[in-house]
């Protein structure tokens, strides 16, 4: 049993790193490699209550958890009503310290309903509404999804600096799912009993707490959902809404038009572990069905593989002209280096936003030049996107030096979604009414941070953008804000 458990957890390392690659994700392994002093792993920070990361039943040392338990999240400077000293308070905050208004405000301009009839209930007291964030923080790769907790905390502090929901501030409890389905389930048992809702969570093992959240009716507004079991949970939603078998043809058709001959002889490579195989196979089938690609080389690469040369040779022998890959950016670098060493240069190299990461650029060097990614969210470089810049601003206020990424952006979006729906419900706010309001949401953009998501149907969005790294920077090369196509059912993973 011990050996089996260890094997599952070793495999878990792979899944944490790779399971989300088919989601169009910007995977950020080891966002913070140091375990000590990290938010959500050893205690509390700025008013958020952190899970100790200890196994169930173990008691943390005195001082790890502040007396009094949960408390409303304070502003970045420790003052519940003030942003960090010298900070902007987020884009859109009033210069005179007043409340920001409009869609960029903490309430998103949602029309506040009457608070008449508002009742305290699970997770709600006279002064606070308690939220939980359950993310993989400790475990094989410390801090792997810390960005989701950082972003959720950032929005909670942004909101608390200016607003309340019927006189109540938000309190955030960070729970650690530890890259383990059992830990995810334990965390959701706690969330069901203590929190009103879960917000911004991110775990590669999100199947673990799915049934628990569903059975207690806990509104679970996640950064994204990666396992079918969670997708089947009636009270669970992803700010990035996706389904494994549903593939947008927008990007694949763009490449088919730009490289009509290359897509007729394409390769799809992936890490042979976790959810990557089924997602890669679904993508390959979807690209063929929706855009006329011909995938002549569909190949998994074992996690422990260090020699990528044989796979490159196979592509050369088959005359492959287009290469797509799903895996962590470190392995992307290995693949591209092997391609360069063998003089293999396809017409284009495509990956999801896993490689939209400055560490990939640093490691890949010249091999990064010309690579493409597809993305359902806007770029951090877009200074004209007020919501993206608001996220970046508050992220740095709550955690100076934090690395923004895909998971964080969608966790921020999830927190905004909770706030807007709760404000709109007012005195009618209950777990059931919130789930109903979320279920009726069919075009959520997170105030323009990403393309429209249909939470009502929980389907993959049809719209994407294509971005290329060229001349030392990432640049959008597809037309318009997003290209919208058809969502194709690949028949795989549904």
Protein backbone atom coordinates (compact mmCIF):
# COMPACT_ATOMS: atom_id res chain seq x y z
CA UNK A 1 0.00 0.00 0.00
CA UNK A 2 2.86 2.37 0.81
CA UNK A 3 4.52 1.61 -2.51
CA UNK A 4 1.24 2.17 -4.34
CA UNK A 5 0.71 5.48 -2.60
CA UNK A 6 4.20 6.64 -3.42
CA UNK A 7 3.74 5.63 -7.04
CA UNK A 8 0.52 7.63 -7.26
CA UNK A 9 2.23 10.65 -5.78
CA UNK A 10 5.21 10.31 -8.11
CA UNK A 11 2.81 10.16 -11.01
CA UNK A 12 1.19 13.17 -9.43
CA UNK A 13 4.30 15.23 -10.06
CA UNK A 14 3.82 14.57 -13.73
CA UNK A 15 0.14 15.41 -13.67
CA UNK A 16 0.75 18.63 -11.80
CA UNK A 17 3.23 19.66 -14.45
CA UNK A 18 1.41 18.36 -17.46
CA UNK A 19 -2.28 17.63 -17.05
CA UNK A 20 -3.33 21.10 -18.04
CA UNK A 21 -1.31 21.53 -21.18
CA UNK A 22 -4.29 20.81 -23.41
CA UNK A 23 -6.27 23.60 -21.79
CA UNK A 24 -4.33 26.30 -23.54
CA UNK A 25 -2.59 26.93 -20.27
CA UNK A 26 0.46 28.87 -19.26
CA UNK A 27 1.89 26.28 -16.93
CA UNK A 28 4.16 27.81 -14.31
CA UNK A 29 5.95 24.97 -12.50
CA UNK A 30 7.63 25.92 -9.22
CA UNK A 31 6.40 29.49 -9.29
CA UNK A 32 8.10 29.76 -5.95
CA UNK A 33 10.52 26.92 -5.27
CA UNK A 34 11.17 27.89 -1.67
CA UNK A 35 8.62 26.32 0.63
CA UNK A 36 9.21 28.56 3.61
CA UNK A 37 7.43 31.87 3.76
CA UNK A 38 5.05 31.06 0.90
CA UNK A 39 1.44 32.17 1.10
CA UNK A 40 -0.99 29.38 1.80
CA UNK A 41 1.64 26.83 2.87
CA UNK A 42 2.81 27.71 6.36
CA UNK A 43 0.47 30.23 7.84
CA UNK A 44 -1.18 33.49 7.08
CA UNK A 45 -0.43 36.72 5.34
CA UNK A 46 -2.31 39.98 4.99
CA UNK A 47 -5.41 38.67 6.71
CA UNK A 48 -5.77 35.40 4.78
CA UNK A 49 -5.91 32.24 6.81
CA UNK A 50 -3.49 29.67 5.45
CA UNK A 51 -3.64 25.91 5.63
CA UNK A 52 -0.61 24.47 7.41
CA UNK A 53 -0.02 21.81 4.78
CA UNK A 54 0.10 19.20 7.54
CA UNK A 55 -1.75 15.89 7.22
CA UNK A 56 -5.25 15.79 8.64
CA UNK A 57 -5.23 15.62 12.40
CA UNK A 58 -1.80 17.19 12.92
CA UNK A 59 -1.68 20.39 14.91
CA UNK A 60 0.57 23.24 13.77
CA UNK A 61 3.09 24.73 16.11
CA UNK A 62 2.01 27.69 18.21
CA UNK A 63 2.16 30.84 16.16
CA UNK A 64 1.51 29.17 12.79
CA UNK A 65 -2.13 30.20 12.84
CA UNK A 66 -3.15 33.54 14.31
CA UNK A 67 -5.49 33.63 17.25
CA UNK A 68 -9.06 34.10 16.24
CA UNK A 69 -8.83 32.05 13.06
CA UNK A 70 -10.24 33.64 9.92
CA UNK A 71 -10.24 37.38 9.55
CA UNK A 72 -11.18 39.73 6.76
CA UNK A 73 -8.35 40.10 4.28
CA UNK A 74 -6.43 43.28 4.96
CA UNK A 75 -5.11 45.66 2.37
CA UNK A 76 -1.58 45.11 1.10
CA UNK A 77 -0.20 47.48 3.73
CA UNK A 78 -2.07 45.72 6.54
CA UNK A 79 -4.84 48.31 6.67
CA UNK A 80 -8.18 46.77 5.63
CA UNK A 81 -9.06 49.94 3.82
CA UNK A 82 -5.76 50.85 2.20
CA UNK A 83 -3.68 49.62 -0.74
CA UNK A 84 0.06 49.18 -0.35
CA UNK A 85 2.03 52.31 0.36
CA UNK A 86 2.93 53.94 -2.91
CA UNK A 87 0.62 51.59 -4.82
CA UNK A 88 -2.04 52.62 -7.21
CA UNK A 89 -4.83 50.73 -5.52
CA UNK A 90 -5.37 49.05 -8.86
CA UNK A 91 -6.32 50.57 -12.16
CA UNK A 92 -9.54 52.47 -11.84
CA UNK A 93 -9.23 53.26 -8.12
CA UNK A 94 -10.18 56.83 -7.35
CA UNK A 95 -7.16 59.06 -6.80
CA UNK A 96 -8.79 60.71 -3.80
CA UNK A 97 -9.23 57.40 -2.02
CA UNK A 98 -12.88 57.11 -2.95
CA UNK A 99 -14.49 54.01 -4.43
CA UNK A 100 -13.66 53.04 -7.98
CA UNK A 101 -16.69 52.92 -10.23
CA UNK A 102 -17.67 51.10 -13.38
CA UNK A 103 -16.67 47.72 -14.73
CA UNK A 104 -13.13 48.01 -13.39
CA UNK A 105 -14.34 48.56 -9.84
CA UNK A 106 -14.27 45.70 -7.31
CA UNK A 107 -17.99 45.15 -7.87
CA UNK A 108 -17.70 45.33 -11.63
CA UNK A 109 -20.48 47.83 -11.84
CA UNK A 110 -22.96 45.11 -10.87
CA UNK A 111 -26.27 46.52 -9.72
CA UNK A 112 -26.51 45.90 -6.00
CA UNK A 113 -29.71 44.21 -4.96
CA UNK A 114 -31.49 45.05 -1.73
CA UNK A 115 -29.97 43.46 1.36
CA UNK A 116 -33.39 42.96 2.90
CA UNK A 117 -33.76 39.40 4.13
CA UNK A 118 -30.01 38.69 4.12
CA UNK A 119 -29.35 35.74 6.44
CA UNK A 120 -26.24 34.43 8.13
CA UNK A 121 -25.56 30.87 7.07
CA UNK A 122 -22.64 28.51 6.55
CA UNK A 123 -19.58 30.70 6.07
CA UNK A 124 -21.42 33.97 6.68
CA UNK A 125 -21.43 35.92 9.93
CA UNK A 126 -22.49 39.45 10.83
CA UNK A 127 -19.10 40.74 9.66
CA UNK A 128 -17.63 38.34 7.11
CA UNK A 129 -18.30 36.08 4.14
CA UNK A 130 -15.76 33.26 4.27
CA UNK A 131 -14.27 31.93 1.05
CA UNK A 132 -11.89 29.01 0.54
CA UNK A 133 -9.19 28.54 -2.06
CA UNK A 134 -8.03 24.95 -2.52
CA UNK A 135 -4.88 24.70 -4.64
CA UNK A 136 -1.79 22.53 -4.98
CA UNK A 137 0.78 24.41 -2.92
CA UNK A 138 2.98 21.90 -1.07
CA UNK A 139 3.85 18.45 -2.34
CA UNK A 140 6.40 17.36 -4.95
CA UNK A 141 6.67 20.82 -6.51
CA UNK A 142 6.22 23.46 -3.79
CA UNK A 143 4.21 26.46 -4.87
CA UNK A 144 3.12 24.95 -8.19
CA UNK A 145 -0.29 26.66 -8.17
CA UNK A 146 0.45 29.35 -5.63
CA UNK A 147 -0.39 31.89 -8.30
CA UNK A 148 -4.08 30.94 -7.99
CA UNK A 149 -4.08 31.70 -4.29
CA UNK A 150 -2.09 34.89 -4.78
CA UNK A 151 -4.53 36.14 -7.40
CA UNK A 152 -7.59 35.27 -5.34
CA UNK A 153 -6.07 37.03 -2.36
CA UNK A 154 -5.28 40.03 -4.54
CA UNK A 155 -8.91 40.37 -5.60
CA UNK A 156 -10.20 39.87 -2.07
CA UNK A 157 -7.94 42.66 -0.86
CA UNK A 158 -8.95 44.88 -3.77
CA UNK A 159 -12.60 44.33 -2.91
CA UNK A 160 -12.16 44.78 0.84
CA UNK A 161 -10.30 48.05 0.32
CA UNK A 162 -13.46 49.66 -1.02
CA UNK A 163 -16.57 47.54 -0.56
CA UNK A 164 -18.67 45.12 1.43
CA UNK A 165 -21.43 42.70 0.52
CA UNK A 166 -24.39 43.72 2.66
CA UNK A 167 -22.00 45.06 5.30
CA UNK A 168 -19.68 42.04 5.25
CA UNK A 169 -16.05 41.90 4.25
CA UNK A 170 -14.55 38.86 2.52
CA UNK A 171 -12.35 36.44 4.46
CA UNK A 172 -10.12 34.04 2.52
CA UNK A 173 -8.89 30.70 3.82
CA UNK A 174 -6.11 29.03 1.83
CA UNK A 175 -6.24 25.24 1.83
CA UNK A 176 -3.56 23.01 0.36
CA UNK A 177 -4.62 20.12 -1.89
CA UNK A 178 -0.96 19.00 -1.95
CA UNK A 179 -1.08 17.52 -5.48
CA UNK A 180 -3.18 14.69 -4.13
CA UNK A 181 -6.81 13.74 -4.77
CA UNK A 182 -7.30 12.67 -1.15
CA UNK A 183 -6.01 16.01 0.11
CA UNK A 184 -8.33 17.79 -2.31
CA UNK A 185 -11.25 15.86 -0.90
CA UNK A 186 -10.23 16.64 2.71
CA UNK A 187 -9.92 20.31 1.86
CA UNK A 188 -13.39 20.36 0.35
CA UNK A 189 -14.86 18.66 3.42
CA UNK A 190 -13.47 21.61 5.40
CA UNK A 191 -14.66 24.11 2.81
CA UNK A 192 -18.16 22.62 2.88
CA UNK A 193 -18.38 23.03 6.64
CA UNK A 194 -16.60 26.38 7.07
CA UNK A 195 -16.81 28.43 3.88
CA UNK A 196 -19.73 29.87 1.97
CA UNK A 197 -18.00 29.23 -1.38
CA UNK A 198 -14.70 28.18 -2.88
CA UNK A 199 -13.08 30.65 -5.26
CA UNK A 200 -10.10 30.58 -7.63
CA UNK A 201 -8.97 27.05 -6.79
CA UNK A 202 -6.51 25.19 -9.00
CA UNK A 203 -5.45 21.56 -8.68
CA UNK A 204 -4.24 18.91 -11.06
CA UNK A 205 -6.21 16.45 -8.90
CA UNK A 206 -9.49 18.34 -8.84
CA UNK A 207 -11.39 15.06 -9.21
CA UNK A 208 -10.76 14.38 -5.51
CA UNK A 209 -13.16 16.92 -4.04
CA UNK A 210 -15.69 16.92 -6.88
CA UNK A 211 -18.27 14.66 -5.26
CA UNK A 212 -17.83 16.43 -1.91
CA UNK A 213 -18.48 19.87 -3.38
CA UNK A 214 -21.42 18.53 -5.37
CA UNK A 215 -23.03 16.77 -2.40
CA UNK A 216 -22.92 19.82 -0.10
CA UNK A 217 -23.89 22.23 -2.88
CA UNK A 218 -20.76 24.34 -2.37
CA UNK A 219 -20.40 26.98 -5.09
CA UNK A 220 -16.95 26.17 -6.46
CA UNK A 221 -15.76 28.86 -8.89
CA UNK A 222 -12.38 27.55 -10.02
CA UNK A 223 -9.56 28.99 -12.09
CA UNK A 224 -10.11 26.11 -14.49
CA UNK A 225 -11.28 22.49 -14.33
CA UNK A 226 -9.12 19.70 -15.70
CA UNK A 227 -10.78 16.39 -14.84
CA UNK A 228 -14.09 14.99 -16.13
CA UNK A 229 -15.28 14.27 -12.59
CA UNK A 230 -15.09 17.96 -11.73
CA UNK A 231 -16.71 18.90 -15.00
CA UNK A 232 -19.67 16.73 -13.93
CA UNK A 233 -20.02 18.51 -10.58
CA UNK A 234 -23.25 20.55 -10.69
CA UNK A 235 -22.01 23.27 -8.33
CA UNK A 236 -18.54 23.58 -9.90
CA UNK A 237 -17.54 26.10 -12.56
CA UNK A 238 -14.31 27.13 -14.25
CA UNK A 239 -13.57 30.76 -15.05
CA UNK A 240 -11.84 29.14 -18.02
CA UNK A 241 -14.59 26.83 -19.20
CA UNK A 242 -13.40 23.80 -21.17
CA UNK A 243 -14.30 20.22 -22.05
CA UNK A 244 -11.71 17.70 -23.17
CA UNK A 245 -13.60 16.46 -26.23
CA UNK A 246 -14.54 19.93 -27.49
CA UNK A 247 -11.84 21.61 -29.58
CA UNK A 248 -12.02 25.08 -31.09
CA UNK A 249 -11.06 25.13 -34.77
CA UNK A 250 -10.20 28.86 -34.82
CA UNK A 251 -6.43 28.52 -34.43
CA UNK A 252 -6.11 25.30 -36.44
CA UNK A 253 -7.92 26.90 -39.39
CA UNK A 254 -5.66 29.96 -39.16
CA UNK A 255 -2.62 27.72 -39.52
CA UNK A 256 -4.28 25.74 -42.31
CA UNK A 257 -4.71 28.97 -44.27
CA UNK A 258 -1.20 30.24 -43.58
CA UNK A 259 0.57 26.88 -43.97
CA UNK A 260 -1.75 24.78 -46.19
CA UNK A 261 0.89 22.21 -47.15
CA UNK A 262 2.49 21.91 -43.71
CA UNK A 263 -0.72 20.97 -41.89
CA UNK A 264 -1.16 18.02 -44.26
CA UNK A 265 1.90 16.42 -42.67
CA UNK A 266 1.80 17.33 -38.99
CA UNK A 267 3.12 15.86 -35.76
CA UNK A 268 1.46 16.03 -32.36
CA UNK A 269 3.81 15.16 -29.52
CA UNK A 270 2.98 15.10 -25.82
CA UNK A 271 4.19 13.99 -22.43
CA UNK A 272 2.98 10.44 -21.92
CA UNK A 273 1.43 10.91 -18.50
CA UNK A 274 -1.60 12.24 -16.68
CA UNK A 275 -4.27 13.90 -18.78
CA UNK A 276 -1.87 14.90 -21.53
CA UNK A 277 -2.39 11.80 -23.73
CA UNK A 278 -6.17 12.05 -23.96
CA UNK A 279 -6.01 15.81 -24.44
CA UNK A 280 -3.38 15.56 -27.16
CA UNK A 281 -5.30 12.83 -28.97
CA UNK A 282 -8.48 14.88 -28.74
CA UNK A 283 -6.67 17.92 -30.11
CA UNK A 284 -5.19 15.94 -33.00
CA UNK A 285 -8.60 14.51 -33.91
CA UNK A 286 -10.22 17.93 -33.55
CA UNK A 287 -7.66 19.60 -35.79
CA UNK A 288 -8.17 16.93 -38.45
CA UNK A 289 -11.94 17.05 -38.23
CA UNK A 290 -12.32 20.80 -37.98
CA UNK A 291 -9.49 22.21 -40.11
CA UNK A 292 -8.36 19.44 -42.44
CA UNK A 293 -5.03 18.74 -40.76
CA UNK A 294 -3.39 15.39 -41.31
CA UNK A 295 -1.55 14.18 -38.23
CA UNK A 296 0.93 11.59 -39.45
CA UNK A 297 2.92 11.36 -36.24
CA UNK A 298 1.11 11.17 -32.90
CA UNK A 299 3.63 10.33 -30.23
CA UNK A 300 3.90 10.34 -26.46
CA UNK A 301 7.27 10.90 -24.82
CA UNK A 302 7.93 9.34 -21.43
CA UNK A 303 8.44 11.64 -18.51
CA UNK A 304 11.95 10.41 -17.73
CA UNK A 305 13.11 10.64 -21.34
CA UNK A 306 16.14 12.85 -21.84
CA UNK A 307 17.04 11.81 -25.37
CA UNK A 308 14.66 13.51 -27.79
CA UNK A 309 16.79 12.69 -30.84
CA UNK A 310 14.88 9.52 -31.85
CA UNK A 311 11.61 11.44 -31.99
CA UNK A 312 13.17 14.14 -34.12
CA UNK A 313 14.59 11.49 -36.45
CA UNK A 314 11.13 9.94 -36.79
CA UNK A 315 9.72 13.31 -37.81
CA UNK A 316 12.52 13.81 -40.32
CA UNK A 317 11.91 10.36 -41.80
CA UNK A 318 8.21 11.11 -42.17
CA UNK A 319 8.84 14.50 -43.72
CA UNK A 320 6.90 16.28 -40.96
CA UNK A 321 6.39 19.97 -41.67
CA UNK A 322 4.32 21.14 -38.69
CA UNK A 323 5.02 20.31 -35.05
CA UNK A 324 2.74 20.80 -32.07
CA UNK A 325 3.72 19.83 -28.55
CA UNK A 326 1.98 19.53 -25.20
CA UNK A 327 4.18 19.47 -22.13
CA UNK A 328 6.13 21.63 -19.68
CA UNK A 329 8.32 24.35 -21.09
CA UNK A 330 11.47 22.58 -19.86
CA UNK A 331 10.73 19.66 -22.17
CA UNK A 332 9.78 22.03 -24.97
CA UNK A 333 13.32 23.35 -24.76
CA UNK A 334 14.77 19.83 -24.92
CA UNK A 335 12.67 18.99 -27.97
CA UNK A 336 13.57 22.20 -29.77
CA UNK A 337 17.26 21.81 -28.96
CA UNK A 338 17.20 18.27 -30.39
CA UNK A 339 15.48 19.62 -33.50
CA UNK A 340 18.19 22.26 -33.91
CA UNK A 341 20.98 19.76 -33.37
CA UNK A 342 19.63 17.58 -36.17
CA UNK A 343 18.94 20.48 -38.49
CA UNK A 344 15.20 19.80 -38.44
CA UNK A 345 13.20 22.97 -39.00
CA UNK A 346 9.47 22.51 -39.63
CA UNK A 347 7.37 25.21 -41.24
CA UNK A 348 6.01 26.07 -37.80
CA UNK A 349 6.15 24.99 -34.16
CA UNK A 350 2.98 25.42 -32.09
CA UNK A 351 2.29 25.01 -28.40
CA UNK A 352 -0.27 26.09 -25.83
CA UNK A 353 0.67 29.00 -23.52
CA UNK A 354 2.83 26.74 -21.36
CA UNK A 355 5.80 28.42 -23.02
CA UNK A 356 4.38 31.91 -22.49
CA UNK A 357 6.84 32.23 -19.63
CA UNK A 358 10.03 34.25 -19.35
CA UNK A 359 11.91 31.20 -18.04
CA UNK A 360 11.17 29.37 -21.27
CA UNK A 361 12.63 32.27 -23.23
CA UNK A 362 15.71 32.29 -21.03
CA UNK A 363 16.29 28.56 -21.45
CA UNK A 364 15.33 28.22 -25.09
CA UNK A 365 17.44 31.12 -26.34
CA UNK A 366 17.43 31.34 -30.11
CA UNK A 367 15.24 28.23 -30.35
CA UNK A 368 12.32 30.33 -29.14
CA UNK A 369 12.41 32.60 -32.17
CA UNK A 370 9.32 32.16 -34.31
CA UNK A 371 7.36 29.78 -32.06
CA UNK A 372 3.58 30.14 -31.89
CA UNK A 373 1.07 29.73 -29.08
CA UNK A 374 -2.71 29.88 -28.99
CA UNK A 375 -4.50 31.55 -26.10
CA UNK A 376 -8.03 32.18 -24.84
CA UNK A 377 -6.92 35.11 -22.67
CA UNK A 378 -5.24 38.42 -23.35
CA UNK A 379 -1.52 39.04 -23.03
CA UNK A 380 0.12 40.62 -20.01
CA UNK A 381 1.98 42.87 -22.45
CA UNK A 382 -1.27 44.51 -23.50
CA UNK A 383 -1.12 47.71 -21.48
CA UNK A 384 -4.44 48.78 -23.01
CA UNK A 385 -6.29 45.96 -21.25
CA UNK A 386 -7.30 47.61 -17.99
CA UNK A 387 -8.42 44.39 -16.31
CA UNK A 388 -5.18 42.54 -17.04
CA UNK A 389 -3.19 45.50 -15.76
CA UNK A 390 -5.42 45.65 -12.67
CA UNK A 391 -4.57 42.02 -11.94
CA UNK A 392 -0.85 42.68 -12.43
CA UNK A 393 -0.99 45.75 -10.20
CA UNK A 394 -2.70 44.09 -7.25
CA UNK A 395 -0.66 40.91 -7.63
CA UNK A 396 2.52 42.90 -7.09
CA UNK A 397 0.99 44.71 -4.13
CA UNK A 398 0.13 41.52 -2.27
CA UNK A 399 3.26 39.63 -3.41
CA UNK A 400 6.06 41.79 -4.82
CA UNK A 401 8.00 39.88 -7.44
CA UNK A 402 5.24 37.31 -8.02
CA UNK A 403 5.13 35.82 -11.52
CA UNK A 404 1.80 36.39 -13.25
CA UNK A 405 0.46 33.45 -15.19
CA UNK A 406 -2.55 31.86 -16.77
CA UNK A 407 -3.84 30.23 -13.59
CA UNK A 408 -3.58 33.45 -11.66
CA UNK A 409 -5.44 35.45 -14.29
CA UNK A 410 -8.36 33.03 -14.27
CA UNK A 411 -8.35 32.84 -10.45
CA UNK A 412 -8.65 36.64 -10.43
CA UNK A 413 -11.51 36.32 -12.91
CA UNK A 414 -13.18 33.71 -10.67
CA UNK A 415 -13.01 36.05 -7.68
CA UNK A 416 -14.55 38.88 -9.70
CA UNK A 417 -17.29 36.53 -10.86
CA UNK A 418 -18.15 35.60 -7.27
CA UNK A 419 -18.31 39.23 -6.19
CA UNK A 420 -20.47 40.38 -9.07
CA UNK A 421 -22.99 37.57 -8.63
CA UNK A 422 -23.11 37.97 -4.84
CA UNK A 423 -23.65 41.74 -5.11
CA UNK A 424 -26.45 41.19 -7.61
CA UNK A 425 -28.21 38.70 -5.33
CA UNK A 426 -28.04 40.84 -2.19
CA UNK A 427 -30.45 39.61 0.46
CA UNK A 428 -31.27 36.54 -1.64
CA UNK A 429 -27.67 35.27 -1.48
CA UNK A 430 -27.48 31.57 -0.61
CA UNK A 431 -25.34 28.77 -1.91
CA UNK A 432 -28.26 27.56 -4.02
CA UNK A 433 -29.06 30.98 -5.47
CA UNK A 434 -25.40 31.63 -6.27
CA UNK A 435 -25.09 28.31 -8.11
CA UNK A 436 -28.22 29.22 -10.04
CA UNK A 437 -26.80 32.62 -10.98
CA UNK A 438 -23.56 31.03 -12.13
CA UNK A 439 -25.44 28.40 -14.10
CA UNK A 440 -27.21 31.20 -15.98
CA UNK A 441 -23.92 32.85 -16.99
CA UNK A 442 -23.23 32.29 -20.67
CA UNK A 443 -20.66 34.91 -21.71
CA UNK A 444 -18.24 35.66 -18.87
CA UNK A 445 -15.12 37.61 -19.93
CA UNK A 446 -13.75 38.63 -16.54
CA UNK A 447 -14.19 42.26 -17.60
CA UNK A 448 -12.24 41.65 -20.79
CA UNK A 449 -9.38 39.59 -19.35
CA UNK A 450 -10.27 36.64 -21.58
CA UNK A 451 -12.63 35.52 -24.29
CA UNK A 452 -16.27 34.85 -23.42
CA UNK A 453 -16.83 31.69 -21.36
CA UNK A 454 -20.13 29.82 -21.35
CA UNK A 455 -20.46 28.63 -17.78
CA UNK A 456 -24.07 27.70 -18.41
CA UNK A 457 -23.15 24.94 -20.84
CA UNK A 458 -19.60 24.43 -19.48
CA UNK A 459 -18.22 24.18 -23.01
CA UNK A 460 -14.89 25.07 -24.58
CA UNK A 461 -14.92 28.62 -25.98
CA UNK A 462 -14.79 28.91 -29.79
CA UNK A 463 -12.54 31.97 -29.76
CA UNK A 464 -8.75 32.09 -29.55
CA UNK A 465 -5.83 34.25 -30.57
CA UNK A 466 -2.51 33.22 -32.09
CA UNK A 467 0.64 34.75 -30.66
CA UNK A 468 4.22 34.48 -31.90
CA UNK A 469 7.55 35.11 -30.22
CA UNK A 470 9.61 37.15 -32.62
CA UNK A 471 12.18 39.89 -32.33
CA UNK A 472 12.53 39.32 -28.60
CA UNK A 473 8.86 39.71 -27.68
CA UNK A 474 5.47 38.03 -27.84
CA UNK A 475 3.15 39.55 -30.43
CA UNK A 476 -0.37 38.69 -31.49
CA UNK A 477 -0.39 37.74 -35.17
CA UNK A 478 -4.03 36.72 -35.64
CA UNK A 479 -6.62 39.35 -36.61
CA UNK A 480 -8.94 41.15 -34.22
CA UNK A 481 -9.10 40.61 -30.49
CA UNK A 482 -9.94 36.93 -30.88
CA UNK A 483 -10.68 34.68 -33.82
CA UNK A 484 -13.93 32.80 -33.39
CA UNK A 485 -14.63 29.51 -35.07
CA UNK A 486 -16.55 26.33 -34.42
CA UNK A 487 -16.19 24.01 -31.45
CA UNK A 488 -15.59 20.53 -32.83
CA UNK A 489 -16.44 17.34 -30.97
CA UNK A 490 -13.37 15.17 -31.40
CA UNK A 491 -15.13 12.14 -29.98
CA UNK A 492 -12.25 11.64 -27.53
CA UNK A 493 -12.41 12.32 -23.80
CA UNK A 494 -16.06 13.32 -23.64
